Amino acid sequence: MLSLQEISDRLEIQDLMVRYSHAVDTRQWDLLDEVFAEGAVIDYTAMGGERGNLEQIKKFLASAMAGFPAFQHLISNTSLTFDGDTATGRTMCHNPMVMPGEHGGDNGGVLYCGLWYVDTFVRVDGDWRIKERVEEKSYMYAAPASEPSAVH
């Protein structure tokens, strides 16, 4: 049976993961300051990204995501293990990313990314933060844009 503290911790970490997704999907990079702990290490290399501290990763995301007209981070199936004020977790992420068309716009197809976030969490001043994030790749598939159909 879960204690009230563990139920609270699980809900707080779930909310933290949603805040991460919201910050990225709305391109509000400074909101990530409320998600990651000081000195956090973030490793996106499994999906072709960079590894670095939060400031480096915010710059990387702003640059890399600028080329995509739209994207979403859909997270689920979080598995958590607690040890006092630290926890480890593994969370599934489905991340469809709309690719730009030849002349801009959003008709260039969709890049489907499937991955897991492998995280180490730490409680800082009563709030959970991500201390380390490593992506594990599951799949990446680029679906080409379909030809627009004529309307009669």
C-alpha atoms as a PDB file:
ATOM      1  CA  MET A   1       0.000   0.000   0.000  1.00  0.00           C
ATOM      2  CA  LEU A   2       1.304   3.444  -0.919  1.00  0.00           C
ATOM      3  CA  SER A   3       1.726   6.019   1.821  1.00  0.00           C
ATOM      4  CA  LEU A   4       0.133   9.439   1.458  1.00  0.00           C
ATOM      5  CA  GLN A   5       3.649  10.863   0.968  1.00  0.00           C
ATOM      6  CA  GLU A   6       4.394   8.471  -1.903  1.00  0.00           C
ATOM      7  CA  ILE A   7       1.033   9.250  -3.541  1.00  0.00           C
ATOM      8  CA  SER A   8       1.826  12.948  -3.253  1.00  0.00           C
ATOM      9  CA  ASP A   9       5.367  12.427  -4.589  1.00  0.00           C
ATOM     10  CA  ARG A  10       4.064  10.469  -7.586  1.00  0.00           C
ATOM     11  CA  LEU A  11       1.509  13.166  -8.433  1.00  0.00           C
ATOM     12  CA  GLU A  12       4.106  15.915  -8.037  1.00  0.00           C
ATOM     13  CA  ILE A  13       6.531  14.147 -10.385  1.00  0.00           C
ATOM     14  CA  GLN A  14       3.734  13.510 -12.877  1.00  0.00           C
ATOM     15  CA  ASP A  15       2.976  17.252 -12.799  1.00  0.00           C
ATOM     16  CA  LEU A  16       6.697  18.007 -13.249  1.00  0.00           C
ATOM     17  CA  MET A  17       6.749  15.847 -16.390  1.00  0.00           C
ATOM     18  CA  VAL A  18       3.691  17.655 -17.756  1.00  0.00           C
ATOM     19  CA  ARG A  19       5.324  21.027 -17.036  1.00  0.00           C
ATOM     20  CA  TYR A  20       8.392  19.893 -19.004  1.00  0.00           C
ATOM     21  CA  SER A  21       6.209  18.905 -21.969  1.00  0.00           C
ATOM     22  CA  HIS A  22       4.255  22.164 -21.778  1.00  0.00           C
ATOM     23  CA  ALA A  23       7.428  24.277 -21.661  1.00  0.00           C
ATOM     24  CA  VAL A  24       8.890  22.564 -24.721  1.00  0.00           C
ATOM     25  CA  ASP A  25       5.661  22.392 -26.724  1.00  0.00           C
ATOM     26  CA  THR A  26       4.962  26.101 -26.174  1.00  0.00           C
ATOM     27  CA  ARG A  27       8.621  27.054 -26.756  1.00  0.00           C
ATOM     28  CA  GLN A  28       8.810  28.705 -23.318  1.00  0.00           C
ATOM     29  CA  TRP A  29      12.382  27.625 -22.640  1.00  0.00           C
ATOM     30  CA  ASP A  30      12.750  29.619 -19.408  1.00  0.00           C
ATOM     31  CA  LEU A  31       9.955  27.540 -17.822  1.00  0.00           C
ATOM     32  CA  LEU A  32      12.487  24.684 -17.836  1.00  0.00           C
ATOM     33  CA  ASP A  33      14.234  26.525 -14.977  1.00  0.00           C
ATOM     34  CA  GLU A  34      11.333  25.324 -12.794  1.00  0.00           C
ATOM     35  CA  VAL A  35      11.677  21.720 -13.999  1.00  0.00           C
ATOM     36  CA  PHE A  36      15.385  20.976 -13.718  1.00  0.00           C
ATOM     37  CA  ALA A  37      17.574  21.120 -10.609  1.00  0.00           C
ATOM     38  CA  GLU A  38      20.654  23.293 -10.435  1.00  0.00           C
ATOM     39  CA  GLY A  39      23.544  21.475 -12.090  1.00  0.00           C
ATOM     40  CA  ALA A  40      21.252  19.129 -14.010  1.00  0.00           C
ATOM     41  CA  VAL A  41      22.731  17.069 -16.844  1.00  0.00           C
ATOM     42  CA  ILE A  42      20.489  16.515 -19.869  1.00  0.00           C
ATOM     43  CA  ASP A  43      21.402  14.005 -22.583  1.00  0.00           C
ATOM     44  CA  TYR A  44      19.437  14.034 -25.842  1.00  0.00           C
ATOM     45  CA  THR A  45      22.153  12.293 -27.904  1.00  0.00           C
ATOM     46  CA  ALA A  46      20.183   9.060 -28.441  1.00  0.00           C
ATOM     47  CA  MET A  47      17.737  11.009 -30.629  1.00  0.00           C
ATOM     48  CA  GLY A  48      20.411  13.039 -32.417  1.00  0.00           C
ATOM     49  CA  GLY A  49      20.496  15.945 -29.978  1.00  0.00           C
ATOM     50  CA  GLU A  50      23.059  17.314 -27.570  1.00  0.00           C
ATOM     51  CA  ARG A  51      24.219  16.620 -24.023  1.00  0.00           C
ATOM     52  CA  GLY A  52      24.809  19.479 -21.618  1.00  0.00           C
ATOM     53  CA  ASN A  53      23.672  21.595 -18.720  1.00  0.00           C
ATOM     54  CA  LEU A  54      20.325  23.396 -18.682  1.00  0.00           C
ATOM     55  CA  GLU A  55      21.549  26.618 -20.307  1.00  0.00           C
ATOM     56  CA  GLN A  56      23.217  24.672 -23.131  1.00  0.00           C
ATOM     57  CA  ILE A  57      20.116  22.551 -23.668  1.00  0.00           C
ATOM     58  CA  LYS A  58      17.772  25.558 -23.689  1.00  0.00           C
ATOM     59  CA  LYS A  59      19.873  27.074 -26.486  1.00  0.00           C
ATOM     60  CA  PHE A  60      19.944  23.750 -28.326  1.00  0.00           C
ATOM     61  CA  LEU A  61      16.159  23.324 -28.073  1.00  0.00           C
ATOM     62  CA  ALA A  62      15.466  26.888 -29.212  1.00  0.00           C
ATOM     63  CA  SER A  63      17.648  26.326 -32.260  1.00  0.00           C
ATOM     64  CA  ALA A  64      16.640  22.735 -33.108  1.00  0.00           C
ATOM     65  CA  MET A  65      12.904  23.183 -32.589  1.00  0.00           C
ATOM     66  CA  ALA A  66      12.770  26.430 -34.585  1.00  0.00           C
ATOM     67  CA  GLY A  67      12.687  24.352 -37.780  1.00  0.00           C
ATOM     68  CA  PHE A  68       9.484  22.538 -36.824  1.00  0.00           C
ATOM     69  CA  PRO A  69       6.145  24.358 -37.247  1.00  0.00           C
ATOM     70  CA  ALA A  70       4.489  22.219 -34.545  1.00  0.00           C
ATOM     71  CA  PHE A  71       5.155  19.314 -32.184  1.00  0.00           C
ATOM     72  CA  GLN A  72       3.745  17.579 -29.111  1.00  0.00           C
ATOM     73  CA  HIS A  73       5.227  15.552 -26.291  1.00  0.00           C
ATOM     74  CA  LEU A  74       2.753  12.891 -25.195  1.00  0.00           C
ATOM     75  CA  ILE A  75       4.018  11.148 -22.046  1.00  0.00           C
ATOM     76  CA  SER A  76       2.757   8.043 -20.259  1.00  0.00           C
ATOM     77  CA  ASN A  77       3.632   4.798 -18.484  1.00  0.00           C
ATOM     78  CA  THR A  78       5.898   6.377 -15.884  1.00  0.00           C
ATOM     79  CA  SER A  79       7.613   3.888 -13.601  1.00  0.00           C
ATOM     80  CA  LEU A  80       9.059   5.417 -10.411  1.00  0.00           C
ATOM     81  CA  THR A  81      11.303   4.153  -7.618  1.00  0.00           C
ATOM     82  CA  PHE A  82      11.771   6.293  -4.511  1.00  0.00           C
ATOM     83  CA  ASP A  83      14.632   6.559  -2.040  1.00  0.00           C
ATOM     84  CA  GLY A  84      13.843   9.385   0.364  1.00  0.00           C
ATOM     85  CA  ASP A  85      14.371  12.706  -1.389  1.00  0.00           C
ATOM     86  CA  THR A  86      15.549  11.098  -4.621  1.00  0.00           C
ATOM     87  CA  ALA A  87      13.747   9.006  -7.192  1.00  0.00           C
ATOM     88  CA  THR A  88      14.416   7.369 -10.522  1.00  0.00           C
ATOM     89  CA  GLY A  89      11.917   7.094 -13.318  1.00  0.00           C
ATOM     90  CA  ARG A  90      11.366   5.844 -16.831  1.00  0.00           C
ATOM     91  CA  THR A  91       8.647   7.538 -18.896  1.00  0.00           C
ATOM     92  CA  MET A  92       7.432   6.770 -22.405  1.00  0.00           C
ATOM     93  CA  CYS A  93       7.198   9.689 -24.837  1.00  0.00           C
ATOM     94  CA  HIS A  94       5.537   9.835 -28.250  1.00  0.00           C
ATOM     95  CA  ASN A  95       6.695  13.010 -30.005  1.00  0.00           C
ATOM     96  CA  PRO A  96       5.175  13.778 -33.423  1.00  0.00           C
ATOM     97  CA  MET A  97       6.917  16.736 -35.066  1.00  0.00           C
ATOM     98  CA  VAL A  98       5.469  18.497 -38.114  1.00  0.00           C
ATOM     99  CA  MET A  99       8.150  19.087 -40.729  1.00  0.00           C
ATOM    100  CA  PRO A 100       8.178  22.252 -42.819  1.00  0.00           C
ATOM    101  CA  GLY A 101       7.181  22.049 -46.447  1.00  0.00           C
ATOM    102  CA  GLU A 102       9.372  23.019 -49.389  1.00  0.00           C
ATOM    103  CA  HIS A 103       8.293  26.648 -49.221  1.00  0.00           C
ATOM    104  CA  GLY A 104       7.663  26.867 -45.490  1.00  0.00           C
ATOM    105  CA  GLY A 105       4.339  26.122 -43.886  1.00  0.00           C
ATOM    106  CA  ASP A 106       3.481  22.849 -42.235  1.00  0.00           C
ATOM    107  CA  ASN A 107       2.977  20.459 -45.136  1.00  0.00           C
ATOM    108  CA  GLY A 108       6.312  18.654 -45.106  1.00  0.00           C
ATOM    109  CA  GLY A 109       5.130  15.492 -43.372  1.00  0.00           C
ATOM    110  CA  VAL A 110       5.499  14.318 -39.803  1.00  0.00           C
ATOM    111  CA  LEU A 111       8.542  12.986 -37.972  1.00  0.00           C
ATOM    112  CA  TYR A 112       7.367  10.453 -35.378  1.00  0.00           C
ATOM    113  CA  CYS A 113       9.762  10.023 -32.470  1.00  0.00           C
ATOM    114  CA  GLY A 114       9.305   7.333 -29.813  1.00  0.00           C
ATOM    115  CA  LEU A 115      11.543   7.414 -26.777  1.00  0.00           C
ATOM    116  CA  TRP A 116      11.846   6.983 -23.059  1.00  0.00           C
ATOM    117  CA  TYR A 117      12.992   9.580 -20.586  1.00  0.00           C
ATOM    118  CA  VAL A 118      15.227   7.980 -17.976  1.00  0.00           C
ATOM    119  CA  ASP A 119      15.333  10.462 -15.135  1.00  0.00           C
ATOM    120  CA  THR A 120      16.845  11.000 -11.726  1.00  0.00           C
ATOM    121  CA  PHE A 121      14.698  13.275  -9.589  1.00  0.00           C
ATOM    122  CA  VAL A 122      15.650  15.162  -6.450  1.00  0.00           C
ATOM    123  CA  ARG A 123      13.521  17.046  -3.943  1.00  0.00           C
ATOM    124  CA  VAL A 124      14.793  20.637  -3.632  1.00  0.00           C
ATOM    125  CA  ASP A 125      13.239  22.860  -0.966  1.00  0.00           C
ATOM    126  CA  GLY A 126      10.162  20.627  -0.943  1.00  0.00           C
ATOM    127  CA  ASP A 127       9.727  20.520  -4.741  1.00  0.00           C
ATOM    128  CA  TRP A 128      10.708  17.727  -7.129  1.00  0.00           C
ATOM    129  CA  ARG A 129      13.158  18.585  -9.915  1.00  0.00           C
ATOM    130  CA  ILE A 130      14.925  16.575 -12.607  1.00  0.00           C
ATOM    131  CA  LYS A 131      18.616  16.171 -11.734  1.00  0.00           C
ATOM    132  CA  GLU A 132      19.530  14.030 -14.740  1.00  0.00           C
ATOM    133  CA  ARG A 133      17.653  13.183 -17.937  1.00  0.00           C
ATOM    134  CA  VAL A 134      18.821  10.673 -20.531  1.00  0.00           C
ATOM    135  CA  GLU A 135      16.777   9.833 -23.597  1.00  0.00           C
ATOM    136  CA  GLU A 136      16.549   6.240 -24.840  1.00  0.00           C
ATOM    137  CA  LYS A 137      15.528   5.865 -28.473  1.00  0.00           C
ATOM    138  CA  SER A 138      12.745   3.499 -29.462  1.00  0.00           C
ATOM    139  CA  TYR A 139      11.967   4.627 -33.023  1.00  0.00           C
ATOM    140  CA  MET A 140      12.086   7.505 -35.444  1.00  0.00           C
ATOM    141  CA  TYR A 141       9.987   7.529 -38.613  1.00  0.00           C
ATOM    142  CA  ALA A 142       9.505  10.319 -41.146  1.00  0.00           C
ATOM    143  CA  ALA A 143       6.076  10.112 -42.768  1.00  0.00           C
ATOM    144  CA  PRO A 144       6.049  12.083 -46.006  1.00  0.00           C
ATOM    145  CA  ALA A 145       3.398  14.672 -46.709  1.00  0.00           C
ATOM    146  CA  SER A 146       0.498  13.406 -48.725  1.00  0.00           C
ATOM    147  CA  GLU A 147      -0.588  15.151 -51.883  1.00  0.00           C
ATOM    148  CA  PRO A 148      -3.531  17.462 -51.242  1.00  0.00           C
ATOM    149  CA  SER A 149      -6.665  15.952 -52.620  1.00  0.00           C
ATOM    150  CA  ALA A 150      -8.868  17.947 -54.953  1.00  0.00           C
ATOM    151  CA  VAL A 151     -12.226  18.943 -53.561  1.00  0.00           C
ATOM    152  CA  HIS A 152     -15.105  18.598 -56.019  1.00  0.00           C
END
